[in-house]
PDB file of N, CA and C in Angstrom:
ATOM      1  N   LEU A   1       0.813  -1.198   0.000  1.00  0.00           N
ATOM      2  CA  LEU A   1       0.000   0.000   0.000  1.00  0.00           C
ATOM      3  C   LEU A   1       0.855   1.259   0.000  1.00  0.00           C
ATOM      4  N   GLY A   2       2.100   1.111   0.333  1.00  0.00           N
ATOM      5  CA  GLY A   2       3.071   2.208   0.321  1.00  0.00           C
ATOM      6  C   GLY A   2       4.448   1.601   0.339  1.00  0.00           C
ATOM      7  N   GLY A   3       5.457   2.412   0.284  1.00  0.00           N
ATOM      8  CA  GLY A   3       6.810   1.860   0.294  1.00  0.00           C
ATOM      9  C   GLY A   3       7.827   2.893   0.707  1.00  0.00           C
ATOM     10  N   VAL A   4       9.063   2.451   0.821  1.00  0.00           N
ATOM     11  CA  VAL A   4      10.147   3.335   1.220  1.00  0.00           C
ATOM     12  C   VAL A   4      11.201   3.288   0.114  1.00  0.00           C
ATOM     13  N   GLY A   5      11.533   4.460  -0.421  1.00  0.00           N
ATOM     14  CA  GLY A   5      12.574   4.562  -1.439  1.00  0.00           C
ATOM     15  C   GLY A   5      13.791   5.264  -0.871  1.00  0.00           C
ATOM     16  N   LEU A   6      14.731   5.570  -1.725  1.00  0.00           N
ATOM     17  CA  LEU A   6      15.955   6.240  -1.278  1.00  0.00           C
ATOM     18  C   LEU A   6      15.682   7.608  -0.671  1.00  0.00           C
ATOM     19  N   GLY A   7      14.668   8.303  -1.187  1.00  0.00           N
ATOM     20  CA  GLY A   7      14.355   9.636  -0.685  1.00  0.00           C
ATOM     21  C   GLY A   7      13.378   9.651   0.462  1.00  0.00           C
ATOM     22  N   GLY A   8      12.957   8.497   0.931  1.00  0.00           N
ATOM     23  CA  GLY A   8      12.001   8.439   2.029  1.00  0.00           C
ATOM     24  C   GLY A   8      10.758   7.678   1.622  1.00  0.00           C
ATOM     25  N   ALA A   9       9.662   7.906   2.352  1.00  0.00           N
ATOM     26  CA  ALA A   9       8.419   7.188   2.116  1.00  0.00           C
ATOM     27  C   ALA A   9       7.808   7.580   0.781  1.00  0.00           C
ATOM     28  N   LEU A  10       7.309   6.578   0.070  1.00  0.00           N
ATOM     29  CA  LEU A  10       6.653   6.795  -1.219  1.00  0.00           C
ATOM     30  C   LEU A  10       5.181   6.417  -1.106  1.00  0.00           C
ATOM     31  N   PRO A  11       4.285   7.215  -1.686  1.00  0.00           N
ATOM     32  CA  PRO A  11       2.867   6.868  -1.616  1.00  0.00           C
ATOM     33  C   PRO A  11       2.570   5.637  -2.460  1.00  0.00           C
ATOM     34  N   GLY A  12       1.660   4.802  -1.965  1.00  0.00           N
ATOM     35  CA  GLY A  12       1.203   3.644  -2.715  1.00  0.00           C
ATOM     36  C   GLY A  12      -0.105   3.966  -3.417  1.00  0.00           C
ATOM     37  N   GLU A  13      -0.720   2.954  -3.980  1.00  0.00           N
ATOM     38  CA  GLU A  13      -1.946   3.145  -4.757  1.00  0.00           C
ATOM     39  C   GLU A  13      -3.082   3.728  -3.929  1.00  0.00           C
ATOM     40  N   VAL A  14      -3.188   3.331  -2.670  1.00  0.00           N
ATOM     41  CA  VAL A  14      -4.275   3.833  -1.829  1.00  0.00           C
ATOM     42  C   VAL A  14      -4.112   5.325  -1.583  1.00  0.00           C
ATOM     43  N   THR A  15      -2.910   5.764  -1.289  1.00  0.00           N
ATOM     44  CA  THR A  15      -2.677   7.189  -1.062  1.00  0.00           C
ATOM     45  C   THR A  15      -2.841   7.977  -2.365  1.00  0.00           C
ATOM     46  N   LEU A  16      -2.388   7.422  -3.462  1.00  0.00           N
ATOM     47  CA  LEU A  16      -2.551   8.105  -4.752  1.00  0.00           C
ATOM     48  C   LEU A  16      -4.026   8.256  -5.119  1.00  0.00           C
ATOM     49  N   ALA A  17      -4.862   7.328  -4.652  1.00  0.00           N
ATOM     50  CA  ALA A  17      -6.300   7.393  -4.933  1.00  0.00           C
ATOM     51  C   ALA A  17      -7.060   8.170  -3.855  1.00  0.00           C
ATOM     52  N   HIS A  18      -6.374   8.684  -2.840  1.00  0.00           N
ATOM     53  CA  HIS A  18      -7.025   9.391  -1.724  1.00  0.00           C
ATOM     54  C   HIS A  18      -7.996  10.449  -2.246  1.00  0.00           C
ATOM     55  N   GLY A  19      -9.211  10.398  -1.725  1.00  0.00           N
ATOM     56  CA  GLY A  19     -10.233  11.351  -2.135  1.00  0.00           C
ATOM     57  C   GLY A  19     -10.928  10.960  -3.429  1.00  0.00           C
ATOM     58  N   GLY A  20     -10.578   9.809  -3.984  1.00  0.00           N
ATOM     59  CA  GLY A  20     -11.168   9.369  -5.240  1.00  0.00           C
ATOM     60  C   GLY A  20     -11.519   7.897  -5.188  1.00  0.00           C
ATOM     61  N   VAL A  21     -11.450   7.260  -6.344  1.00  0.00           N
ATOM     62  CA  VAL A  21     -11.851   5.860  -6.484  1.00  0.00           C
ATOM     63  C   VAL A  21     -10.624   4.984  -6.688  1.00  0.00           C
ATOM     64  N   LEU A  22     -10.569   3.888  -5.938  1.00  0.00           N
ATOM     65  CA  LEU A  22      -9.549   2.862  -6.133  1.00  0.00           C
ATOM     66  C   LEU A  22     -10.259   1.663  -6.736  1.00  0.00           C
ATOM     67  N   PHE A  23      -9.897   1.302  -7.966  1.00  0.00           N
ATOM     68  CA  PHE A  23     -10.535   0.193  -8.664  1.00  0.00           C
ATOM     69  C   PHE A  23      -9.633  -1.028  -8.621  1.00  0.00           C
ATOM     70  N   LEU A  24     -10.169  -2.137  -8.133  1.00  0.00           N
ATOM     71  CA  LEU A  24      -9.442  -3.403  -8.096  1.00  0.00           C
ATOM     72  C   LEU A  24     -10.120  -4.373  -9.056  1.00  0.00           C
ATOM     73  N   ASN A  25      -9.487  -4.618 -10.182  1.00  0.00           N
ATOM     74  CA  ASN A  25     -10.007  -5.596 -11.124  1.00  0.00           C
ATOM     75  C   ASN A  25      -9.638  -6.993 -10.630  1.00  0.00           C
ATOM     76  N   GLU A  26     -10.534  -7.941 -10.806  1.00  0.00           N
ATOM     77  CA  GLU A  26     -10.324  -9.311 -10.314  1.00  0.00           C
ATOM     78  C   GLU A  26      -9.953  -9.294  -8.828  1.00  0.00           C
ATOM     79  N   VAL A  27     -10.774  -8.636  -8.053  1.00  0.00           N
ATOM     80  CA  VAL A  27     -10.508  -8.440  -6.629  1.00  0.00           C
ATOM     81  C   VAL A  27     -10.336  -9.771  -5.889  1.00  0.00           C
ATOM     82  N   THR A  28     -10.939 -10.829  -6.380  1.00  0.00           N
ATOM     83  CA  THR A  28     -10.811 -12.127  -5.718  1.00  0.00           C
ATOM     84  C   THR A  28      -9.420 -12.737  -5.891  1.00  0.00           C
ATOM     85  N   GLU A  29      -8.609 -12.169  -6.761  1.00  0.00           N
ATOM     86  CA  GLU A  29      -7.247 -12.677  -6.966  1.00  0.00           C
ATOM     87  C   GLU A  29      -6.248 -12.104  -5.956  1.00  0.00           C
ATOM     88  N   PHE A  30      -6.635 -11.064  -5.229  1.00  0.00           N
ATOM     89  CA  PHE A  30      -5.738 -10.466  -4.242  1.00  0.00           C
ATOM     90  C   PHE A  30      -5.633 -11.370  -3.020  1.00  0.00           C
ATOM     91  N   ARG A  31      -4.460 -11.398  -2.412  1.00  0.00           N
ATOM     92  CA  ARG A  31      -4.255 -12.182  -1.198  1.00  0.00           C
ATOM     93  C   ARG A  31      -5.109 -11.632  -0.064  1.00  0.00           C
ATOM     94  N   GLY A  32      -5.550 -12.527   0.805  1.00  0.00           N
ATOM     95  CA  GLY A  32      -6.377 -12.125   1.939  1.00  0.00           C
ATOM     96  C   GLY A  32      -5.706 -11.104   2.834  1.00  0.00           C
ATOM     97  N   GLU A  33      -4.385 -11.249   3.049  1.00  0.00           N
ATOM     98  CA  GLU A  33      -3.646 -10.307   3.896  1.00  0.00           C
ATOM     99  C   GLU A  33      -3.646  -8.909   3.281  1.00  0.00           C
ATOM    100  N   THR A  34      -3.539  -8.845   1.970  1.00  0.00           N
ATOM    101  CA  THR A  34      -3.539  -7.556   1.278  1.00  0.00           C
ATOM    102  C   THR A  34      -4.894  -6.877   1.433  1.00  0.00           C
ATOM    103  N   LEU A  35      -5.967  -7.636   1.261  1.00  0.00           N
ATOM    104  CA  LEU A  35      -7.307  -7.066   1.397  1.00  0.00           C
ATOM    105  C   LEU A  35      -7.604  -6.662   2.834  1.00  0.00           C
ATOM    106  N   ALA A  36      -7.095  -7.428   3.806  1.00  0.00           N
ATOM    107  CA  ALA A  36      -7.289  -7.057   5.210  1.00  0.00           C
ATOM    108  C   ALA A  36      -6.558  -5.759   5.521  1.00  0.00           C
ATOM    109  N   THR A  37      -5.350  -5.596   4.979  1.00  0.00           N
ATOM    110  CA  THR A  37      -4.596  -4.355   5.170  1.00  0.00           C
ATOM    111  C   THR A  37      -5.341  -3.185   4.543  1.00  0.00           C
ATOM    112  N   LEU A  38      -5.900  -3.408   3.363  1.00  0.00           N
ATOM    113  CA  LEU A  38      -6.681  -2.362   2.695  1.00  0.00           C
ATOM    114  C   LEU A  38      -7.915  -2.006   3.509  1.00  0.00           C
ATOM    115  N   ALA A  39      -8.602  -2.996   4.032  1.00  0.00           N
ATOM    116  CA  ALA A  39      -9.788  -2.737   4.852  1.00  0.00           C
ATOM    117  C   ALA A  39      -9.428  -1.918   6.086  1.00  0.00           C
ATOM    118  N   ASN A  40      -8.301  -2.244   6.723  1.00  0.00           N
ATOM    119  CA  ASN A  40      -7.855  -1.474   7.890  1.00  0.00           C
ATOM    120  C   ASN A  40      -7.509  -0.041   7.516  1.00  0.00           C
ATOM    121  N   ALA A  41      -6.835   0.145   6.385  1.00  0.00           N
ATOM    122  CA  ALA A  41      -6.484   1.492   5.932  1.00  0.00           C
ATOM    123  C   ALA A  41      -7.739   2.309   5.659  1.00  0.00           C
ATOM    124  N   MET A  42      -8.736   1.678   5.049  1.00  0.00           N
ATOM    125  CA  MET A  42      -9.993   2.389   4.776  1.00  0.00           C
ATOM    126  C   MET A  42     -10.697   2.755   6.073  1.00  0.00           C
ATOM    127  N   ARG A  43     -10.681   1.851   7.037  1.00  0.00           N
ATOM    128  CA  ARG A  43     -11.321   2.113   8.327  1.00  0.00           C
ATOM    129  C   ARG A  43     -10.615   3.253   9.067  1.00  0.00           C
ATOM    130  N   ASP A  44      -9.256   3.214   9.058  1.00  0.00           N
ATOM    131  CA  ASP A  44      -8.469   4.207   9.784  1.00  0.00           C
ATOM    132  C   ASP A  44      -8.341   5.532   9.045  1.00  0.00           C
ATOM    133  N   GLY A  45      -8.468   5.488   7.709  1.00  0.00           N
ATOM    134  CA  GLY A  45      -8.330   6.702   6.915  1.00  0.00           C
ATOM    135  C   GLY A  45      -6.891   7.050   6.584  1.00  0.00           C
ATOM    136  N   HIS A  46      -5.969   6.143   6.935  1.00  0.00           N
ATOM    137  CA  HIS A  46      -4.558   6.384   6.616  1.00  0.00           C
ATOM    138  C   HIS A  46      -3.785   5.061   6.586  1.00  0.00           C
ATOM    139  N   VAL A  47      -2.630   5.112   5.953  1.00  0.00           N
ATOM    140  CA  VAL A  47      -1.683   3.996   6.005  1.00  0.00           C
ATOM    141  C   VAL A  47      -0.426   4.510   6.683  1.00  0.00           C
ATOM    142  N   THR A  48       0.287   3.620   7.333  1.00  0.00           N
ATOM    143  CA  THR A  48       1.546   3.980   7.972  1.00  0.00           C
ATOM    144  C   THR A  48       2.664   3.209   7.296  1.00  0.00           C
ATOM    145  N   VAL A  49       3.649   3.953   6.794  1.00  0.00           N
ATOM    146  CA  VAL A  49       4.824   3.353   6.175  1.00  0.00           C
ATOM    147  C   VAL A  49       5.971   3.514   7.158  1.00  0.00           C
ATOM    148  N   ALA A  50       6.543   2.382   7.582  1.00  0.00           N
ATOM    149  CA  ALA A  50       7.602   2.418   8.586  1.00  0.00           C
ATOM    150  C   ALA A  50       8.912   1.899   8.001  1.00  0.00           C
ATOM    151  N   SER A  51       9.999   2.510   8.423  1.00  0.00           N
ATOM    152  CA  SER A  51      11.337   2.060   8.046  1.00  0.00           C
ATOM    153  C   SER A  51      12.269   2.345   9.221  1.00  0.00           C
ATOM    154  N   SER A  52      13.546   2.092   9.020  1.00  0.00           N
ATOM    155  CA  SER A  52      14.511   2.367  10.082  1.00  0.00           C
ATOM    156  C   SER A  52      14.615   3.865  10.363  1.00  0.00           C
ATOM    157  N   ARG A  53      14.185   4.693   9.422  1.00  0.00           N
ATOM    158  CA  ARG A  53      14.212   6.161   9.605  1.00  0.00           C
ATOM    159  C   ARG A  53      13.039   6.679  10.407  1.00  0.00           C
ATOM    160  N   GLY A  54      12.021   5.842  10.575  1.00  0.00           N
ATOM    161  CA  GLY A  54      10.832   6.283  11.291  1.00  0.00           C
ATOM    162  C   GLY A  54       9.580   5.864  10.558  1.00  0.00           C
ATOM    163  N   ALA A  55       8.469   6.425  10.962  1.00  0.00           N
ATOM    164  CA  ALA A  55       7.180   6.090  10.366  1.00  0.00           C
ATOM    165  C   ALA A  55       6.507   7.342   9.836  1.00  0.00           C
ATOM    166  N   VAL A  56       5.797   7.174   8.730  1.00  0.00           N
ATOM    167  CA  VAL A  56       5.067   8.275   8.110  1.00  0.00           C
ATOM    168  C   VAL A  56       3.642   7.815   7.857  1.00  0.00           C
ATOM    169  N   GLN A  57       2.671   8.657   8.227  1.00  0.00           N
ATOM    170  CA  GLN A  57       1.281   8.359   7.924  1.00  0.00           C
ATOM    171  C   GLN A  57       0.888   9.082   6.645  1.00  0.00           C
ATOM    172  N   MET A  58       0.172   8.361   5.772  1.00  0.00           N
ATOM    173  CA  MET A  58      -0.305   8.928   4.510  1.00  0.00           C
ATOM    174  C   MET A  58      -1.807   8.708   4.422  1.00  0.00           C
ATOM    175  N   PRO A  59      -2.530   9.654   3.809  1.00  0.00           N
ATOM    176  CA  PRO A  59      -3.991   9.542   3.758  1.00  0.00           C
ATOM    177  C   PRO A  59      -4.453   8.359   2.912  1.00  0.00           C
ATOM    178  N   ALA A  60      -5.608   7.798   3.293  1.00  0.00           N
ATOM    179  CA  ALA A  60      -6.144   6.630   2.579  1.00  0.00           C
ATOM    180  C   ALA A  60      -7.668   6.596   2.636  1.00  0.00           C
ATOM    181  N   ARG A  61      -8.300   7.691   2.315  1.00  0.00           N
ATOM    182  CA  ARG A  61      -9.769   7.705   2.249  1.00  0.00           C
ATOM    183  C   ARG A  61     -10.149   7.554   0.787  1.00  0.00           C
ATOM    184  N   VAL A  62     -10.676   6.385   0.444  1.00  0.00           N
ATOM    185  CA  VAL A  62     -11.001   6.085  -0.949  1.00  0.00           C
ATOM    186  C   VAL A  62     -12.382   5.453  -1.047  1.00  0.00           C
ATOM    187  N   TRP A  63     -12.931   5.521  -2.242  1.00  0.00           N
ATOM    188  CA  TRP A  63     -14.088   4.721  -2.614  1.00  0.00           C
ATOM    189  C   TRP A  63     -13.518   3.492  -3.293  1.00  0.00           C
ATOM    190  N   LEU A  64     -13.790   2.328  -2.760  1.00  0.00           N
ATOM    191  CA  LEU A  64     -13.259   1.094  -3.322  1.00  0.00           C
ATOM    192  C   LEU A  64     -14.295   0.467  -4.241  1.00  0.00           C
ATOM    193  N   VAL A  65     -13.873   0.181  -5.468  1.00  0.00           N
ATOM    194  CA  VAL A  65     -14.709  -0.530  -6.424  1.00  0.00           C
ATOM    195  C   VAL A  65     -13.923  -1.749  -6.875  1.00  0.00           C
ATOM    196  N   GLY A  66     -14.534  -2.905  -6.769  1.00  0.00           N
ATOM    197  CA  GLY A  66     -13.868  -4.129  -7.195  1.00  0.00           C
ATOM    198  C   GLY A  66     -14.729  -4.898  -8.174  1.00  0.00           C
ATOM    199  N   ALA A  67     -14.080  -5.582  -9.087  1.00  0.00           N
ATOM    200  CA  ALA A  67     -14.782  -6.415 -10.063  1.00  0.00           C
ATOM    201  C   ALA A  67     -14.250  -7.838  -9.969  1.00  0.00           C
ATOM    202  N   ALA A  68     -15.148  -8.794 -10.183  1.00  0.00           N
ATOM    203  CA  ALA A  68     -14.743 -10.201 -10.151  1.00  0.00           C
ATOM    204  C   ALA A  68     -15.751 -11.028 -10.932  1.00  0.00           C
ATOM    205  N   ASN A  69     -15.313 -12.177 -11.365  1.00  0.00           N
ATOM    206  CA  ASN A  69     -16.190 -13.138 -12.017  1.00  0.00           C
ATOM    207  C   ASN A  69     -16.936 -13.874 -10.923  1.00  0.00           C
ATOM    208  N   VAL A  70     -18.197 -13.549 -10.748  1.00  0.00           N
ATOM    209  CA  VAL A  70     -18.980 -14.094  -9.646  1.00  0.00           C
ATOM    210  C   VAL A  70     -19.130 -15.609  -9.753  1.00  0.00           C
ATOM    211  N   ALA A  71     -19.318 -16.129 -10.929  1.00  0.00           N
ATOM    212  CA  ALA A  71     -19.558 -17.563 -11.098  1.00  0.00           C
ATOM    213  C   ALA A  71     -18.362 -18.387 -10.631  1.00  0.00           C
ATOM    214  N   ARG A  72     -17.154 -17.920 -10.890  1.00  0.00           N
ATOM    215  CA  ARG A  72     -15.957 -18.689 -10.543  1.00  0.00           C
ATOM    216  C   ARG A  72     -15.557 -18.552  -9.086  1.00  0.00           C
ATOM    217  N   TYR A  73     -15.896 -17.459  -8.445  1.00  0.00           N
ATOM    218  CA  TYR A  73     -15.343 -17.166  -7.118  1.00  0.00           C
ATOM    219  C   TYR A  73     -16.413 -16.844  -6.085  1.00  0.00           C
ATOM    220  N   ASP A  74     -17.532 -17.534  -6.142  1.00  0.00           N
ATOM    221  CA  ASP A  74     -18.624 -17.209  -5.226  1.00  0.00           C
ATOM    222  C   ASP A  74     -18.202 -17.318  -3.763  1.00  0.00           C
ATOM    223  N   ALA A  75     -17.461 -18.360  -3.401  1.00  0.00           N
ATOM    224  CA  ALA A  75     -17.031 -18.525  -2.005  1.00  0.00           C
ATOM    225  C   ALA A  75     -16.085 -17.405  -1.592  1.00  0.00           C
ATOM    226  N   ARG A  76     -15.200 -17.012  -2.494  1.00  0.00           N
ATOM    227  CA  ARG A  76     -14.247 -15.927  -2.197  1.00  0.00           C
ATOM    228  C   ARG A  76     -14.968 -14.595  -2.021  1.00  0.00           C
ATOM    229  N   LEU A  77     -16.012 -14.369  -2.804  1.00  0.00           N
ATOM    230  CA  LEU A  77     -16.790 -13.135  -2.667  1.00  0.00           C
ATOM    231  C   LEU A  77     -17.491 -13.074  -1.314  1.00  0.00           C
ATOM    232  N   GLN A  78     -17.918 -14.216  -0.800  1.00  0.00           N
ATOM    233  CA  GLN A  78     -18.533 -14.237   0.528  1.00  0.00           C
ATOM    234  C   GLN A  78     -17.534 -13.753   1.581  1.00  0.00           C
ATOM    235  N   GLY A  79     -16.265 -14.155   1.446  1.00  0.00           N
ATOM    236  CA  GLY A  79     -15.232 -13.685   2.363  1.00  0.00           C
ATOM    237  C   GLY A  79     -15.009 -12.188   2.255  1.00  0.00           C
ATOM    238  N   LEU A  80     -15.072 -11.657   1.044  1.00  0.00           N
ATOM    239  CA  LEU A  80     -14.920 -10.210   0.853  1.00  0.00           C
ATOM    240  C   LEU A  80     -16.075  -9.463   1.499  1.00  0.00           C
ATOM    241  N   ARG A  81     -17.261 -10.016   1.387  1.00  0.00           N
ATOM    242  CA  ARG A  81     -18.412  -9.375   2.023  1.00  0.00           C
ATOM    243  C   ARG A  81     -18.196  -9.237   3.526  1.00  0.00           C
ATOM    244  N   SER A  82     -17.719 -10.287   4.159  1.00  0.00           N
ATOM    245  CA  SER A  82     -17.521 -10.230   5.608  1.00  0.00           C
ATOM    246  C   SER A  82     -16.385  -9.276   5.980  1.00  0.00           C
ATOM    247  N   LEU A  83     -15.394  -9.138   5.104  1.00  0.00           N
ATOM    248  CA  LEU A  83     -14.254  -8.262   5.386  1.00  0.00           C
ATOM    249  C   LEU A  83     -14.623  -6.785   5.231  1.00  0.00           C
ATOM    250  N   PHE A  84     -15.394  -6.468   4.201  1.00  0.00           N
ATOM    251  CA  PHE A  84     -15.662  -5.067   3.879  1.00  0.00           C
ATOM    252  C   PHE A  84     -17.087  -4.614   4.183  1.00  0.00           C
ATOM    253  N   ASN A  85     -17.994  -5.488   4.525  1.00  0.00           N
ATOM    254  CA  ASN A  85     -19.403  -5.128   4.592  1.00  0.00           C
ATOM    255  C   ASN A  85     -19.727  -4.020   5.581  1.00  0.00           C
ATOM    256  N   ASP A  86     -18.993  -3.940   6.682  1.00  0.00           N
ATOM    257  CA  ASP A  86     -19.268  -2.883   7.649  1.00  0.00           C
ATOM    258  C   ASP A  86     -18.744  -1.536   7.173  1.00  0.00           C
ATOM    259  N   GLN A  87     -17.965  -1.510   6.094  1.00  0.00           N
ATOM    260  CA  GLN A  87     -17.374  -0.272   5.612  1.00  0.00           C
ATOM    261  C   GLN A  87     -17.946   0.161   4.267  1.00  0.00           C
ATOM    262  N   VAL A  88     -18.282  -0.802   3.434  1.00  0.00           N
ATOM    263  CA  VAL A  88     -18.772  -0.483   2.094  1.00  0.00           C
ATOM    264  C   VAL A  88     -19.892  -1.454   1.737  1.00  0.00           C
ATOM    265  N   GLY A  89     -20.724  -1.054   0.805  1.00  0.00           N
ATOM    266  CA  GLY A  89     -21.751  -1.958   0.297  1.00  0.00           C
ATOM    267  C   GLY A  89     -21.145  -2.900  -0.722  1.00  0.00           C
ATOM    268  N   VAL A  90     -21.557  -4.144  -0.686  1.00  0.00           N
ATOM    269  CA  VAL A  90     -21.088  -5.131  -1.644  1.00  0.00           C
ATOM    270  C   VAL A  90     -22.290  -5.648  -2.409  1.00  0.00           C
ATOM    271  N   ALA A  91     -22.238  -5.551  -3.711  1.00  0.00           N
ATOM    272  CA  ALA A  91     -23.343  -6.033  -4.552  1.00  0.00           C
ATOM    273  C   ALA A  91     -22.797  -7.024  -5.564  1.00  0.00           C
ATOM    274  N   SER A  92     -23.605  -7.975  -5.909  1.00  0.00           N
ATOM    275  CA  SER A  92     -23.196  -8.929  -6.935  1.00  0.00           C
ATOM    276  C   SER A  92     -24.273  -9.069  -7.984  1.00  0.00           C
TER     277      SER A  92
END
């Protein structure tokens, strides 16, 4: 969701989409840990990038839109509903 480069903390996709829409195509292909981190960032409104130099908070308020093939991944979509349902509406 963010990273650390030679010049310091670099914004990731969530911070770059702050205040707008973050679109995840084939959302069911993302690892569960990645989606849980995204859900936490959306709940908190920020991401924290930490390195040996310290930690930096970056904004992460986004509208999340995801697309998936419902027929192939019905069980996986149920897991996404439980992960994000308290934060966003999920429709299929």
